[in-house]
Amino acid sequence: MFKQIFTRNTIAFTAIPTIDNVEQPLVGTSLKFMVKNDRYDSDEDALITQDSTTGEFTLSAEQTDIAEGRYWWEIRWYAFGAVYTIGMGMVNFIKTVIDQIEE
């Protein structure tokens, strides 16, 4: 889903859970997006955390203002009294050319 995110940039995306390739309604459920240094870090140690009840996420420039590097991301769906990981992987946070010039 994510290969790279530019630091100090706003990013918007949508995550809709599916079962057997059928999109699931989000009524009464919620989603959580997290970025962590290591996939074994606790949720409390996440660098970025955002909740959504619509599947839409918008991370602000302040939220993406983290050091360049490779991080783990995960999206969880909380539904039917259970927790489902609907996506996980690694993402590179990189500075833009302008950010590098301004330093």
PDB file of N, CA and C in Angstrom:
ATOM      1  N   MET A   1       0.830  -1.195   0.000  1.00  0.00           N
ATOM      2  CA  MET A   1       0.000   0.000   0.000  1.00  0.00           C
ATOM      3  C   MET A   1       0.871   1.253   0.000  1.00  0.00           C
ATOM      4  N   PHE A   2       1.835   1.327   0.915  1.00  0.00           N
ATOM      5  CA  PHE A   2       2.720   2.485   0.987  1.00  0.00           C
ATOM      6  C   PHE A   2       4.136   2.047   0.642  1.00  0.00           C
ATOM      7  N   LYS A   3       4.801   2.785  -0.224  1.00  0.00           N
ATOM      8  CA  LYS A   3       6.213   2.543  -0.485  1.00  0.00           C
ATOM      9  C   LYS A   3       7.045   3.651   0.123  1.00  0.00           C
ATOM     10  N   GLN A   4       6.516   4.875   0.014  1.00  0.00           N
ATOM     11  CA  GLN A   4       7.229   6.006   0.609  1.00  0.00           C
ATOM     12  C   GLN A   4       6.240   7.089   1.009  1.00  0.00           C
ATOM     13  N   ILE A   5       6.639   7.829   2.015  1.00  0.00           N
ATOM     14  CA  ILE A   5       5.904   9.008   2.469  1.00  0.00           C
ATOM     15  C   ILE A   5       6.923  10.114   2.595  1.00  0.00           C
ATOM     16  N   PHE A   6       6.593  11.258   2.057  1.00  0.00           N
ATOM     17  CA  PHE A   6       7.492  12.402   2.169  1.00  0.00           C
ATOM     18  C   PHE A   6       7.295  13.050   3.532  1.00  0.00           C
ATOM     19  N   THR A   7       8.393  13.273   4.244  1.00  0.00           N
ATOM     20  CA  THR A   7       8.307  13.902   5.560  1.00  0.00           C
ATOM     21  C   THR A   7       7.754  15.313   5.406  1.00  0.00           C
ATOM     22  N   ARG A   8       7.068  15.753   6.445  1.00  0.00           N
ATOM     23  CA  ARG A   8       6.477  17.094   6.490  1.00  0.00           C
ATOM     24  C   ARG A   8       5.504  17.359   5.351  1.00  0.00           C
ATOM     25  N   ASN A   9       4.828  16.300   4.888  1.00  0.00           N
ATOM     26  CA  ASN A   9       3.792  16.419   3.862  1.00  0.00           C
ATOM     27  C   ASN A   9       2.495  15.813   4.389  1.00  0.00           C
ATOM     28  N   THR A  10       1.381  16.343   3.927  1.00  0.00           N
ATOM     29  CA  THR A  10       0.080  15.771   4.235  1.00  0.00           C
ATOM     30  C   THR A  10      -0.148  14.576   3.315  1.00  0.00           C
ATOM     31  N   ILE A  11      -0.714  13.525   3.856  1.00  0.00           N
ATOM     32  CA  ILE A  11      -1.038  12.338   3.061  1.00  0.00           C
ATOM     33  C   ILE A  11      -2.457  11.905   3.416  1.00  0.00           C
ATOM     34  N   ALA A  12      -3.247  11.612   2.388  1.00  0.00           N
ATOM     35  CA  ALA A  12      -4.617  11.142   2.590  1.00  0.00           C
ATOM     36  C   ALA A  12      -4.782   9.799   1.884  1.00  0.00           C
ATOM     37  N   PHE A  13      -5.511   8.893   2.523  1.00  0.00           N
ATOM     38  CA  PHE A  13      -5.759   7.585   1.927  1.00  0.00           C
ATOM     39  C   PHE A  13      -7.020   6.994   2.546  1.00  0.00           C
ATOM     40  N   THR A  14      -7.532   5.983   1.883  1.00  0.00           N
ATOM     41  CA  THR A  14      -8.726   5.280   2.346  1.00  0.00           C
ATOM     42  C   THR A  14      -8.398   3.805   2.523  1.00  0.00           C
ATOM     43  N   ALA A  15      -8.896   3.227   3.589  1.00  0.00           N
ATOM     44  CA  ALA A  15      -8.728   1.788   3.853  1.00  0.00           C
ATOM     45  C   ALA A  15     -10.104   1.206   4.148  1.00  0.00           C
ATOM     46  N   ILE A  16     -10.544   0.299   3.299  1.00  0.00           N
ATOM     47  CA  ILE A  16     -11.835  -0.352   3.490  1.00  0.00           C
ATOM     48  C   ILE A  16     -11.593  -1.851   3.637  1.00  0.00           C
ATOM     49  N   PRO A  17     -12.014  -2.445   4.755  1.00  0.00           N
ATOM     50  CA  PRO A  17     -11.820  -3.879   4.936  1.00  0.00           C
ATOM     51  C   PRO A  17     -12.705  -4.679   3.977  1.00  0.00           C
ATOM     52  N   THR A  18     -12.190  -5.826   3.567  1.00  0.00           N
ATOM     53  CA  THR A  18     -12.964  -6.727   2.710  1.00  0.00           C
ATOM     54  C   THR A  18     -12.953  -8.134   3.300  1.00  0.00           C
ATOM     55  N   ILE A  19     -14.018  -8.857   3.032  1.00  0.00           N
ATOM     56  CA  ILE A  19     -14.093 -10.276   3.345  1.00  0.00           C
ATOM     57  C   ILE A  19     -14.506 -10.974   2.055  1.00  0.00           C
ATOM     58  N   ASP A  20     -13.693 -11.919   1.611  1.00  0.00           N
ATOM     59  CA  ASP A  20     -13.926 -12.604   0.339  1.00  0.00           C
ATOM     60  C   ASP A  20     -14.108 -11.594  -0.801  1.00  0.00           C
ATOM     61  N   ASN A  21     -13.274 -10.557  -0.796  1.00  0.00           N
ATOM     62  CA  ASN A  21     -13.265  -9.499  -1.811  1.00  0.00           C
ATOM     63  C   ASN A  21     -14.526  -8.647  -1.834  1.00  0.00           C
ATOM     64  N   VAL A  22     -15.305  -8.667  -0.759  1.00  0.00           N
ATOM     65  CA  VAL A  22     -16.503  -7.836  -0.646  1.00  0.00           C
ATOM     66  C   VAL A  22     -16.233  -6.766   0.411  1.00  0.00           C
ATOM     67  N   GLU A  23     -16.359  -5.483   0.004  1.00  0.00           N
ATOM     68  CA  GLU A  23     -16.155  -4.392   0.957  1.00  0.00           C
ATOM     69  C   GLU A  23     -17.166  -4.489   2.088  1.00  0.00           C
ATOM     70  N   GLN A  24     -16.680  -4.266   3.292  1.00  0.00           N
ATOM     71  CA  GLN A  24     -17.513  -4.380   4.480  1.00  0.00           C
ATOM     72  C   GLN A  24     -17.993  -3.009   4.950  1.00  0.00           C
ATOM     73  N   PRO A  25     -19.250  -2.918   5.392  1.00  0.00           N
ATOM     74  CA  PRO A  25     -19.735  -1.647   5.938  1.00  0.00           C
ATOM     75  C   PRO A  25     -19.005  -1.352   7.250  1.00  0.00           C
ATOM     76  N   LEU A  26     -18.778  -0.098   7.494  1.00  0.00           N
ATOM     77  CA  LEU A  26     -18.015   0.295   8.677  1.00  0.00           C
ATOM     78  C   LEU A  26     -18.906   0.737   9.839  1.00  0.00           C
ATOM     79  N   VAL A  27     -20.211   0.579   9.711  1.00  0.00           N
ATOM     80  CA  VAL A  27     -21.135   0.979  10.767  1.00  0.00           C
ATOM     81  C   VAL A  27     -20.816   0.195  12.034  1.00  0.00           C
ATOM     82  N   GLY A  28     -20.580   0.928  13.114  1.00  0.00           N
ATOM     83  CA  GLY A  28     -20.302   0.299  14.399  1.00  0.00           C
ATOM     84  C   GLY A  28     -18.913  -0.288  14.525  1.00  0.00           C
ATOM     85  N   THR A  29     -18.035   0.006  13.558  1.00  0.00           N
ATOM     86  CA  THR A  29     -16.664  -0.494  13.611  1.00  0.00           C
ATOM     87  C   THR A  29     -15.700   0.683  13.529  1.00  0.00           C
ATOM     88  N   SER A  30     -14.424   0.405  13.694  1.00  0.00           N
ATOM     89  CA  SER A  30     -13.417   1.468  13.566  1.00  0.00           C
ATOM     90  C   SER A  30     -12.128   0.879  13.010  1.00  0.00           C
ATOM     91  N   LEU A  31     -11.303   1.769  12.495  1.00  0.00           N
ATOM     92  CA  LEU A  31      -9.995   1.411  11.959  1.00  0.00           C
ATOM     93  C   LEU A  31      -8.932   2.223  12.682  1.00  0.00           C
ATOM     94  N   LYS A  32      -7.739   1.661  12.756  1.00  0.00           N
ATOM     95  CA  LYS A  32      -6.608   2.373  13.358  1.00  0.00           C
ATOM     96  C   LYS A  32      -5.400   2.204  12.451  1.00  0.00           C
ATOM     97  N   PHE A  33      -4.727   3.318  12.158  1.00  0.00           N
ATOM     98  CA  PHE A  33      -3.483   3.326  11.391  1.00  0.00           C
ATOM     99  C   PHE A  33      -2.359   3.693  12.339  1.00  0.00           C
ATOM    100  N   MET A  34      -1.245   2.928  12.258  1.00  0.00           N
ATOM    101  CA  MET A  34      -0.088   3.215  13.103  1.00  0.00           C
ATOM    102  C   MET A  34       1.194   3.086  12.309  1.00  0.00           C
ATOM    103  N   VAL A  35       2.168   3.909  12.692  1.00  0.00           N
ATOM    104  CA  VAL A  35       3.531   3.801  12.174  1.00  0.00           C
ATOM    105  C   VAL A  35       4.435   3.608  13.375  1.00  0.00           C
ATOM    106  N   LYS A  36       5.312   2.573  13.297  1.00  0.00           N
ATOM    107  CA  LYS A  36       6.197   2.247  14.414  1.00  0.00           C
ATOM    108  C   LYS A  36       7.631   2.084  13.922  1.00  0.00           C
ATOM    109  N   ASN A  37       8.575   2.309  14.817  1.00  0.00           N
ATOM    110  CA  ASN A  37       9.983   2.054  14.500  1.00  0.00           C
ATOM    111  C   ASN A  37      10.218   0.580  14.193  1.00  0.00           C
ATOM    112  N   ASP A  38       9.612  -0.270  15.005  1.00  0.00           N
ATOM    113  CA  ASP A  38       9.796  -1.715  14.871  1.00  0.00           C
ATOM    114  C   ASP A  38       8.428  -2.366  14.989  1.00  0.00           C
ATOM    115  N   ARG A  39       8.173  -3.420  14.240  1.00  0.00           N
ATOM    116  CA  ARG A  39       6.843  -4.024  14.276  1.00  0.00           C
ATOM    117  C   ARG A  39       6.510  -4.613  15.638  1.00  0.00           C
ATOM    118  N   TYR A  40       7.500  -4.832  16.474  1.00  0.00           N
ATOM    119  CA  TYR A  40       7.263  -5.375  17.816  1.00  0.00           C
ATOM    120  C   TYR A  40       7.100  -4.287  18.878  1.00  0.00           C
ATOM    121  N   ASP A  41       7.207  -3.016  18.485  1.00  0.00           N
ATOM    122  CA  ASP A  41       6.978  -1.928  19.438  1.00  0.00           C
ATOM    123  C   ASP A  41       5.529  -1.966  19.922  1.00  0.00           C
ATOM    124  N   SER A  42       5.325  -1.509  21.149  1.00  0.00           N
ATOM    125  CA  SER A  42       3.958  -1.454  21.679  1.00  0.00           C
ATOM    126  C   SER A  42       3.179  -0.361  20.955  1.00  0.00           C
ATOM    127  N   ASP A  43       1.865  -0.460  21.003  1.00  0.00           N
ATOM    128  CA  ASP A  43       1.025   0.570  20.388  1.00  0.00           C
ATOM    129  C   ASP A  43       1.283   1.941  21.015  1.00  0.00           C
ATOM    130  N   GLU A  44       1.587   1.948  22.302  1.00  0.00           N
ATOM    131  CA  GLU A  44       1.854   3.212  22.989  1.00  0.00           C
ATOM    132  C   GLU A  44       3.117   3.895  22.454  1.00  0.00           C
ATOM    133  N   ASP A  45       4.030   3.116  21.869  1.00  0.00           N
ATOM    134  CA  ASP A  45       5.269   3.668  21.338  1.00  0.00           C
ATOM    135  C   ASP A  45       5.177   4.035  19.854  1.00  0.00           C
ATOM    136  N   ALA A  46       3.998   3.919  19.262  1.00  0.00           N
ATOM    137  CA  ALA A  46       3.832   4.257  17.847  1.00  0.00           C
ATOM    138  C   ALA A  46       4.180   5.723  17.608  1.00  0.00           C
ATOM    139  N   LEU A  47       4.838   6.000  16.495  1.00  0.00           N
ATOM    140  CA  LEU A  47       5.198   7.370  16.128  1.00  0.00           C
ATOM    141  C   LEU A  47       3.994   8.124  15.580  1.00  0.00           C
ATOM    142  N   ILE A  48       3.132   7.415  14.886  1.00  0.00           N
ATOM    143  CA  ILE A  48       1.905   7.991  14.341  1.00  0.00           C
ATOM    144  C   ILE A  48       0.769   7.039  14.668  1.00  0.00           C
ATOM    145  N   THR A  49      -0.329   7.592  15.166  1.00  0.00           N
ATOM    146  CA  THR A  49      -1.545   6.817  15.418  1.00  0.00           C
ATOM    147  C   THR A  49      -2.725   7.664  14.989  1.00  0.00           C
ATOM    148  N   GLN A  50      -3.615   7.061  14.224  1.00  0.00           N
ATOM    149  CA  GLN A  50      -4.836   7.776  13.841  1.00  0.00           C
ATOM    150  C   GLN A  50      -5.984   6.782  13.736  1.00  0.00           C
ATOM    151  N   ASP A  51      -7.145   7.181  14.263  1.00  0.00           N
ATOM    152  CA  ASP A  51      -8.345   6.360  14.224  1.00  0.00           C
ATOM    153  C   ASP A  51      -9.307   6.898  13.180  1.00  0.00           C
ATOM    154  N   SER A  52     -10.153   5.999  12.649  1.00  0.00           N
ATOM    155  CA  SER A  52     -11.148   6.390  11.667  1.00  0.00           C
ATOM    156  C   SER A  52     -12.364   5.491  11.788  1.00  0.00           C
ATOM    157  N   THR A  53     -13.550   6.082  11.629  1.00  0.00           N
ATOM    158  CA  THR A  53     -14.782   5.297  11.570  1.00  0.00           C
ATOM    159  C   THR A  53     -15.339   5.276  10.148  1.00  0.00           C
ATOM    160  N   THR A  54     -14.678   5.969   9.218  1.00  0.00           N
ATOM    161  CA  THR A  54     -15.132   6.048   7.834  1.00  0.00           C
ATOM    162  C   THR A  54     -14.202   5.339   6.859  1.00  0.00           C
ATOM    163  N   GLY A  55     -13.012   4.971   7.332  1.00  0.00           N
ATOM    164  CA  GLY A  55     -12.007   4.386   6.444  1.00  0.00           C
ATOM    165  C   GLY A  55     -11.116   5.428   5.805  1.00  0.00           C
ATOM    166  N   GLU A  56     -11.405   6.694   6.027  1.00  0.00           N
ATOM    167  CA  GLU A  56     -10.605   7.783   5.465  1.00  0.00           C
ATOM    168  C   GLU A  56      -9.617   8.286   6.514  1.00  0.00           C
ATOM    169  N   PHE A  57      -8.377   8.454   6.077  1.00  0.00           N
ATOM    170  CA  PHE A  57      -7.309   8.942   6.940  1.00  0.00           C
ATOM    171  C   PHE A  57      -6.638  10.132   6.270  1.00  0.00           C
ATOM    172  N   THR A  58      -6.314  11.151   7.050  1.00  0.00           N
ATOM    173  CA  THR A  58      -5.504  12.267   6.573  1.00  0.00           C
ATOM    174  C   THR A  58      -4.458  12.552   7.634  1.00  0.00           C
ATOM    175  N   LEU A  59      -3.201  12.318   7.283  1.00  0.00           N
ATOM    176  CA  LEU A  59      -2.095  12.617   8.192  1.00  0.00           C
ATOM    177  C   LEU A  59      -1.587  14.005   7.868  1.00  0.00           C
ATOM    178  N   SER A  60      -1.437  14.825   8.869  1.00  0.00           N
ATOM    179  CA  SER A  60      -0.982  16.205   8.672  1.00  0.00           C
ATOM    180  C   SER A  60       0.531  16.247   8.471  1.00  0.00           C
ATOM    181  N   ALA A  61       0.997  17.400   8.002  1.00  0.00           N
ATOM    182  CA  ALA A  61       2.440  17.615   7.845  1.00  0.00           C
ATOM    183  C   ALA A  61       3.149  17.474   9.189  1.00  0.00           C
ATOM    184  N   GLU A  62       2.491  17.852  10.280  1.00  0.00           N
ATOM    185  CA  GLU A  62       3.083  17.716  11.613  1.00  0.00           C
ATOM    186  C   GLU A  62       3.223  16.240  11.989  1.00  0.00           C
ATOM    187  N   GLN A  63       2.231  15.425  11.641  1.00  0.00           N
ATOM    188  CA  GLN A  63       2.307  14.001  11.970  1.00  0.00           C
ATOM    189  C   GLN A  63       3.404  13.288  11.181  1.00  0.00           C
ATOM    190  N   THR A  64       3.657  13.710   9.951  1.00  0.00           N
ATOM    191  CA  THR A  64       4.676  13.053   9.123  1.00  0.00           C
ATOM    192  C   THR A  64       6.053  13.693   9.288  1.00  0.00           C
ATOM    193  N   ASP A  65       6.178  14.590  10.241  1.00  0.00           N
ATOM    194  CA  ASP A  65       7.470  15.243  10.503  1.00  0.00           C
ATOM    195  C   ASP A  65       8.288  14.340  11.425  1.00  0.00           C
ATOM    196  N   ILE A  66       8.752  13.229  10.875  1.00  0.00           N
ATOM    197  CA  ILE A  66       9.596  12.293  11.618  1.00  0.00           C
ATOM    198  C   ILE A  66      10.884  12.084  10.828  1.00  0.00           C
ATOM    199  N   ALA A  67      11.869  11.541  11.476  1.00  0.00           N
ATOM    200  CA  ALA A  67      13.186  11.362  10.853  1.00  0.00           C
ATOM    201  C   ALA A  67      13.087  10.454   9.625  1.00  0.00           C
ATOM    202  N   GLU A  68      13.941  10.739   8.660  1.00  0.00           N
ATOM    203  CA  GLU A  68      14.028   9.862   7.497  1.00  0.00           C
ATOM    204  C   GLU A  68      14.360   8.456   7.967  1.00  0.00           C
ATOM    205  N   GLY A  69      13.803   7.480   7.297  1.00  0.00           N
ATOM    206  CA  GLY A  69      14.113   6.104   7.651  1.00  0.00           C
ATOM    207  C   GLY A  69      13.012   5.159   7.236  1.00  0.00           C
ATOM    208  N   ARG A  70      13.231   3.903   7.553  1.00  0.00           N
ATOM    209  CA  ARG A  70      12.260   2.845   7.256  1.00  0.00           C
ATOM    210  C   ARG A  70      11.493   2.508   8.509  1.00  0.00           C
ATOM    211  N   TYR A  71      10.184   2.462   8.378  1.00  0.00           N
ATOM    212  CA  TYR A  71       9.291   2.213   9.499  1.00  0.00           C
ATOM    213  C   TYR A  71       8.266   1.146   9.127  1.00  0.00           C
ATOM    214  N   TRP A  72       7.622   0.596  10.144  1.00  0.00           N
ATOM    215  CA  TRP A  72       6.541  -0.356   9.949  1.00  0.00           C
ATOM    216  C   TRP A  72       5.216   0.374  10.045  1.00  0.00           C
ATOM    217  N   TRP A  73       4.277   0.057   9.159  1.00  0.00           N
ATOM    218  CA  TRP A  73       2.914   0.588   9.248  1.00  0.00           C
ATOM    219  C   TRP A  73       1.941  -0.584   9.391  1.00  0.00           C
ATOM    220  N   GLU A  74       0.793  -0.297   9.993  1.00  0.00           N
ATOM    221  CA  GLU A  74      -0.238  -1.320  10.167  1.00  0.00           C
ATOM    222  C   GLU A  74      -1.601  -0.645  10.194  1.00  0.00           C
ATOM    223  N   ILE A  75      -2.586  -1.317   9.614  1.00  0.00           N
ATOM    224  CA  ILE A  75      -3.981  -0.875   9.706  1.00  0.00           C
ATOM    225  C   ILE A  75      -4.774  -2.011  10.334  1.00  0.00           C
ATOM    226  N   ARG A  76      -5.480  -1.675  11.414  1.00  0.00           N
ATOM    227  CA  ARG A  76      -6.311  -2.656  12.110  1.00  0.00           C
ATOM    228  C   ARG A  76      -7.778  -2.262  11.988  1.00  0.00           C
ATOM    229  N   TRP A  77      -8.607  -3.291  11.893  1.00  0.00           N
ATOM    230  CA  TRP A  77     -10.056  -3.117  11.842  1.00  0.00           C
ATOM    231  C   TRP A  77     -10.639  -3.739  13.103  1.00  0.00           C
ATOM    232  N   TYR A  78     -11.375  -2.940  13.869  1.00  0.00           N
ATOM    233  CA  TYR A  78     -12.010  -3.384  15.103  1.00  0.00           C
ATOM    234  C   TYR A  78     -13.500  -3.595  14.809  1.00  0.00           C
ATOM    235  N   ALA A  79     -13.906  -4.887  14.739  1.00  0.00           N
ATOM    236  CA  ALA A  79     -15.286  -5.194  14.363  1.00  0.00           C
ATOM    237  C   ALA A  79     -15.716  -6.517  14.969  1.00  0.00           C
ATOM    238  N   PHE A  80     -16.996  -6.604  15.275  1.00  0.00           N
ATOM    239  CA  PHE A  80     -17.587  -7.865  15.742  1.00  0.00           C
ATOM    240  C   PHE A  80     -16.876  -8.413  16.979  1.00  0.00           C
ATOM    241  N   GLY A  81     -16.370  -7.509  17.831  1.00  0.00           N
ATOM    242  CA  GLY A  81     -15.689  -7.922  19.047  1.00  0.00           C
ATOM    243  C   GLY A  81     -14.306  -8.502  18.819  1.00  0.00           C
ATOM    244  N   ALA A  82     -13.741  -8.284  17.629  1.00  0.00           N
ATOM    245  CA  ALA A  82     -12.431  -8.834  17.300  1.00  0.00           C
ATOM    246  C   ALA A  82     -11.547  -7.753  16.679  1.00  0.00           C
ATOM    247  N   VAL A  83     -10.271  -8.082  16.541  1.00  0.00           N
ATOM    248  CA  VAL A  83      -9.304  -7.191  15.912  1.00  0.00           C
ATOM    249  C   VAL A  83      -8.726  -7.909  14.696  1.00  0.00           C
ATOM    250  N   TYR A  84      -8.774  -7.226  13.536  1.00  0.00           N
ATOM    251  CA  TYR A  84      -8.252  -7.786  12.296  1.00  0.00           C
ATOM    252  C   TYR A  84      -7.173  -6.862  11.739  1.00  0.00           C
ATOM    253  N   THR A  85      -6.012  -7.373  11.429  1.00  0.00           N
ATOM    254  CA  THR A  85      -4.996  -6.594  10.740  1.00  0.00           C
ATOM    255  C   THR A  85      -5.289  -6.713   9.247  1.00  0.00           C
ATOM    256  N   ILE A  86      -5.636  -5.581   8.622  1.00  0.00           N
ATOM    257  CA  ILE A  86      -6.007  -5.622   7.203  1.00  0.00           C
ATOM    258  C   ILE A  86      -4.872  -5.161   6.297  1.00  0.00           C
ATOM    259  N   GLY A  87      -3.795  -4.701   6.887  1.00  0.00           N
ATOM    260  CA  GLY A  87      -2.630  -4.316   6.100  1.00  0.00           C
ATOM    261  C   GLY A  87      -1.450  -4.044   7.002  1.00  0.00           C
ATOM    262  N   MET A  88      -0.257  -4.413   6.524  1.00  0.00           N
ATOM    263  CA  MET A  88       0.964  -4.163   7.282  1.00  0.00           C
ATOM    264  C   MET A  88       2.136  -4.231   6.314  1.00  0.00           C
ATOM    265  N   GLY A  89       3.155  -3.428   6.586  1.00  0.00           N
ATOM    266  CA  GLY A  89       4.341  -3.465   5.752  1.00  0.00           C
ATOM    267  C   GLY A  89       5.347  -2.422   6.186  1.00  0.00           C
ATOM    268  N   MET A  90       6.332  -2.212   5.343  1.00  0.00           N
ATOM    269  CA  MET A  90       7.361  -1.215   5.625  1.00  0.00           C
ATOM    270  C   MET A  90       7.186  -0.040   4.680  1.00  0.00           C
ATOM    271  N   VAL A  91       7.517   1.133   5.171  1.00  0.00           N
ATOM    272  CA  VAL A  91       7.433   2.348   4.377  1.00  0.00           C
ATOM    273  C   VAL A  91       8.677   3.186   4.627  1.00  0.00           C
ATOM    274  N   ASN A  92       9.165   3.826   3.588  1.00  0.00           N
ATOM    275  CA  ASN A  92      10.298   4.743   3.712  1.00  0.00           C
ATOM    276  C   ASN A  92       9.781   6.164   3.870  1.00  0.00           C
ATOM    277  N   PHE A  93      10.199   6.819   4.925  1.00  0.00           N
ATOM    278  CA  PHE A  93       9.938   8.247   5.078  1.00  0.00           C
ATOM    279  C   PHE A  93      11.167   8.962   4.517  1.00  0.00           C
ATOM    280  N   ILE A  94      10.952   9.813   3.528  1.00  0.00           N
ATOM    281  CA  ILE A  94      12.077  10.507   2.893  1.00  0.00           C
ATOM    282  C   ILE A  94      11.802  12.004   2.819  1.00  0.00           C
ATOM    283  N   LYS A  95      12.889  12.773   2.861  1.00  0.00           N
ATOM    284  CA  LYS A  95      12.778  14.224   2.738  1.00  0.00           C
ATOM    285  C   LYS A  95      12.631  14.595   1.271  1.00  0.00           C
ATOM    286  N   THR A  96      11.898  15.676   1.038  1.00  0.00           N
ATOM    287  CA  THR A  96      11.791  16.197  -0.318  1.00  0.00           C
ATOM    288  C   THR A  96      13.056  16.983  -0.644  1.00  0.00           C
ATOM    289  N   VAL A  97      13.240  17.290  -1.896  1.00  0.00           N
ATOM    290  CA  VAL A  97      14.385  18.084  -2.315  1.00  0.00           C
ATOM    291  C   VAL A  97      14.372  19.444  -1.621  1.00  0.00           C
ATOM    292  N   ILE A  98      13.215  20.052  -1.542  1.00  0.00           N
ATOM    293  CA  ILE A  98      13.098  21.369  -0.897  1.00  0.00           C
ATOM    294  C   ILE A  98      13.492  21.292   0.565  1.00  0.00           C
ATOM    295  N   ASP A  99      13.025  20.253   1.268  1.00  0.00           N
ATOM    296  CA  ASP A  99      13.388  20.091   2.685  1.00  0.00           C
ATOM    297  C   ASP A  99      14.898  19.967   2.850  1.00  0.00           C
ATOM    298  N   GLN A 100      15.553  19.279   1.953  1.00  0.00           N
ATOM    299  CA  GLN A 100      17.001  19.100   2.050  1.00  0.00           C
ATOM    300  C   GLN A 100      17.730  20.406   1.770  1.00  0.00           C
ATOM    301  N   ILE A 101      17.207  21.225   0.877  1.00  0.00           N
ATOM    302  CA  ILE A 101      17.825  22.520   0.570  1.00  0.00           C
ATOM    303  C   ILE A 101      17.688  23.479   1.745  1.00  0.00           C
ATOM    304  N   GLU A 102      16.535  23.441   2.418  1.00  0.00           N
ATOM    305  CA  GLU A 102      16.266  24.375   3.507  1.00  0.00           C
ATOM    306  C   GLU A 102      17.079  24.088   4.754  1.00  0.00           C
ATOM    307  N   GLU A 103      17.699  22.939   4.839  1.00  0.00           N
ATOM    308  CA  GLU A 103      18.449  22.605   6.065  1.00  0.00           C
ATOM    309  C   GLU A 103      19.723  23.388   6.186  1.00  0.00           C
TER     310      GLU A 103
END
